[in-house]
Amino acid sequence: MSRVALDYKPTAAAHRSTHLRWLVSGLLASFIGGGLIYTATKQYDEVAAPTAAPVAAPEIEQNSAPPAEEIDQASVLPQPLGETIEFVVRRNDTLDRIFRHLKLNIADLAVIRDLPGVREAIDRLRPGDTITLVHTDGALQALQRRVSETEVLSVTRGDAGFAAELLATPIEIRRVSAHGSIESSLFTAAREAGISPEVILRMANDIFGWDIDFALDIRQGDRFSVIYEQKYRDGEYIGDGRVLAADFINNGVAHRAVYYESQDGKVADYFTPDGRSMRRQFLRAPLDFTRISSNFNPRRRHPILNTIRAHRGVDYAAPTGAVIKAAGDGRVAFVGVKGGYGRVVILEHGGGISTLYAHMSRFARGLRNGQRVKQGATIGYVGSSGAATGPHLHYEYRVNGVHKNPRTVPLPDAAPIAPGYMADFTARAAEAFADLDRERDSAVSAVAVGR
């Protein structure tokens, strides 16, 4: 584990003393495990938090730890001895509030926040973050907080006062492949193939979402293959990474995509085998994978009025509060209440194209007329305002004021990759797709043999 010092220049003797104390503490911590940790937030709420009752570190026999040369130092974080609290951040928490609730010395917090580079690393708390605090009778001895996937901020009290370090915790990336066939639903097929919901949503919304409407276009017998990254730290799985290559056979039509990042970093996106971006001017569906409750139909019988009235859009049934995204880059032409549409947003995209999003429960915070929005930006949340029988999004696509079926209207082809990158892209894409085909064929053969 590499360390980058942020502050603290001790004398040589103090350095040796501190280093020895951290090493011994680290060895103890690797065997104490969960016995040292008390979760102070177990009964904590935002109105009044009870006083934490942390557990003191027990004595460990000197011969219970392996020799120092056998310890993987990359897996040992310095843990000064003391009472240890592992605190899980909740909504609206601040460090000041946490220190006061845990009866820790506020003056210590002021000192460590003044260390170079520390304020930015510890002030931005997110619900679910974990902060490990070690103290003696309220006097802070150490504070640790993960600030990124590959770095942990470690603050410790030494002979010369508090010091801070960024401890590197490298991630191992493993490449895995998976294959599935849809019999009942996409998520069921993904689960049976061992794919996490995050990966399948990434395929549906971020890769193939411009070509396939996953709410209505999915068919029994559709197939998919994917090569993607899994992330490990100290041998422990911590989550999925980027999709590297994928194909989706939908209703007999093959859709293929590969991730390509140029060496200069100026190009980083998903592309078709011939080098065209998977991104189009408009998304097929303005919200994440869901189901359609009412399709585009010029002779639909209105469910409330019981009369034949054209349904010039697509209704996406979704739970109240589901995020609604801008289908394309545009300008907010209207945000407010409009008759049976209820709470509605209308976006103008240029070229005579506009999109309408109706029956919202609420708008995105700060959304206003004239504002520019980017494709995929949150503009509101699913609801049932206006003439609606239940929570859903009513989505319309208009060209020069004429309604078009959002699911079938032709979308402009995406621009090809710049000529200067084409040779490199072609070589790397061919290799990625060859790996995808080889691993898919191997998996299919294995299943056939198993039968």
Foldseek 3Di string as FASTA:
>chain_A
DDKDWQDDDDDPVQVVVVVVQQLVQQQLPVPCPPVQEDEQCPPQDDPAGAARDFDFRDDDDPPPGDDPVPDPVLPTDGDHGARKYKYFDDPPDFPQVVLVRNVADVVLVVVQCPGPPVVVQRGDDDGGWIKMWGAHPRYTAWIWGDRDPFWIWIWGQTPVGIIIMIRGFDKDKDKDKWKFFDADAPVVRCVVRVHDPVVVQCCCPVFQQQPDQRQPQADGGKMKMWIFIWIDTPNHTDGTDGTAWMWIQTPNDIFIWGWDADPVRPDTAIAGLQFFGSDFQFGLAQFTHAHWDDFFAQQDQDPPVRHGHGQLFTKTDDDWFGFGWGGHKFFWQDFAQDAQQGTKTKTDDPQQKIKMKGQFPFFDPPDDGGDIDGGGDTTGTWHHGGNGPTTIITMWMDGNNHTDGSNDDDTDTGDGDDPVCSVVSNVVSVVVVVVRVVVVVVVVVVVVVVD
